[in-house]
Amino acid sequence: MEGSRSNKIPSEHLLQIRQHIESFPTKDTHYGGCTKKYLDARLDVKQMHKMFCSKYPNVKIKYKFYLKYFQVNFILYYLTYFDLT
């Protein structure tokens, strides 16, 4: 996912992105014989990116890259009703 251009994202920044996305709670469902992981529908990738930028102000990751990383590396859905209990 780093690309072939000379301005590659350092691996430690990729790890920070991964850990940040994984820090959001998910709910597993088992509909139709397969397990899917769902995020709270009140959350979206744009909000997650803003939170990432707030948490890591010295790491300059554009939203477009964060979104692409999310799409390529995670299979997460949005659940309209979310209860972690």
Protein backbone atom coordinates (compact mmCIF):
# COMPACT_ATOMS: atom_id res chain seq x y z
CA MET A 1 0.00 0.00 0.00
CA GLU A 2 3.01 2.27 0.26
CA GLY A 3 3.23 2.76 -3.51
CA SER A 4 6.23 3.08 -5.74
CA ARG A 5 6.72 6.83 -5.53
CA SER A 6 9.65 8.37 -3.70
CA ASN A 7 7.38 9.91 -1.05
CA LYS A 8 6.48 6.60 0.61
CA ILE A 9 4.66 6.64 3.93
CA PRO A 10 7.04 5.43 6.67
CA SER A 11 6.15 2.01 8.07
CA GLU A 12 5.73 3.43 11.58
CA HIS A 13 2.99 5.74 10.24
CA LEU A 14 1.25 2.82 8.57
CA LEU A 15 1.35 0.98 11.87
CA GLN A 16 -0.15 4.02 13.62
CA ILE A 17 -2.97 4.13 11.07
CA ARG A 18 -3.65 0.40 11.51
CA GLN A 19 -3.64 0.63 15.31
CA HIS A 20 -5.88 3.68 15.21
CA ILE A 21 -8.49 1.98 13.02
CA GLU A 22 -8.30 -1.18 15.14
CA SER A 23 -8.90 0.91 18.28
CA PHE A 24 -12.55 1.51 17.32
CA PRO A 25 -14.97 -1.01 18.81
CA THR A 26 -16.66 -3.42 16.43
CA LYS A 27 -19.53 -5.82 16.77
CA ASP A 28 -19.38 -9.26 15.17
CA THR A 29 -22.46 -10.67 13.50
CA HIS A 30 -22.98 -14.16 12.12
CA TYR A 31 -25.71 -13.71 9.53
CA GLY A 32 -25.84 -16.15 6.64
CA GLY A 33 -23.06 -18.36 7.97
CA CYS A 34 -20.32 -15.74 7.74
CA THR A 35 -18.92 -13.39 10.34
CA LYS A 36 -18.87 -9.66 9.61
CA LYS A 37 -17.43 -6.87 11.72
CA TYR A 38 -19.49 -3.71 12.08
CA LEU A 39 -18.57 -0.22 13.21
CA ASP A 40 -21.06 2.15 14.78
CA ALA A 41 -22.98 3.87 11.96
CA ARG A 42 -22.53 7.23 13.70
CA LEU A 43 -18.85 6.96 12.83
CA ASP A 44 -17.37 7.41 9.37
CA VAL A 45 -13.88 7.32 7.89
CA LYS A 46 -13.73 11.12 7.64
CA GLN A 47 -14.32 11.39 11.41
CA MET A 48 -11.78 8.65 12.05
CA HIS A 49 -9.20 10.55 9.99
CA LYS A 50 -9.87 13.76 11.95
CA MET A 51 -9.39 11.83 15.19
CA PHE A 52 -6.16 10.36 13.83
CA CYS A 53 -4.86 13.84 12.95
CA SER A 54 -5.73 15.07 16.44
CA LYS A 55 -4.03 12.13 18.09
CA TYR A 56 -0.92 12.33 15.88
CA PRO A 57 -0.52 16.02 14.96
CA ASN A 58 3.04 15.51 13.70
CA VAL A 59 2.04 12.72 11.31
CA LYS A 60 0.81 14.25 8.06
CA ILE A 61 -1.54 11.72 6.46
CA LYS A 62 -4.05 12.98 3.93
CA TYR A 63 -7.65 11.85 4.14
CA LYS A 64 -7.45 10.24 0.69
CA PHE A 65 -4.58 7.99 1.83
CA TYR A 66 -6.29 7.14 5.14
CA LEU A 67 -9.48 6.21 3.26
CA LYS A 68 -7.60 4.04 0.76
CA TYR A 69 -5.71 2.31 3.59
CA PHE A 70 -9.03 1.64 5.34
CA GLN A 71 -10.62 0.24 2.16
CA VAL A 72 -7.68 -1.98 1.21
CA ASN A 73 -6.75 -3.32 4.65
CA PHE A 74 -10.06 -3.63 6.50
CA ILE A 75 -13.39 -5.29 5.79
CA LEU A 76 -15.67 -3.36 8.09
CA TYR A 77 -19.33 -2.45 7.69
CA TYR A 78 -21.53 0.11 9.40
CA LEU A 79 -24.26 -1.09 11.72
CA THR A 80 -27.26 1.19 12.21
CA TYR A 81 -27.95 -0.12 15.70
CA PHE A 82 -24.83 -0.55 17.79
CA ASP A 83 -24.74 -2.05 21.27
CA LEU A 84 -21.49 -3.49 22.61
CA THR A 85 -23.08 -5.00 25.70
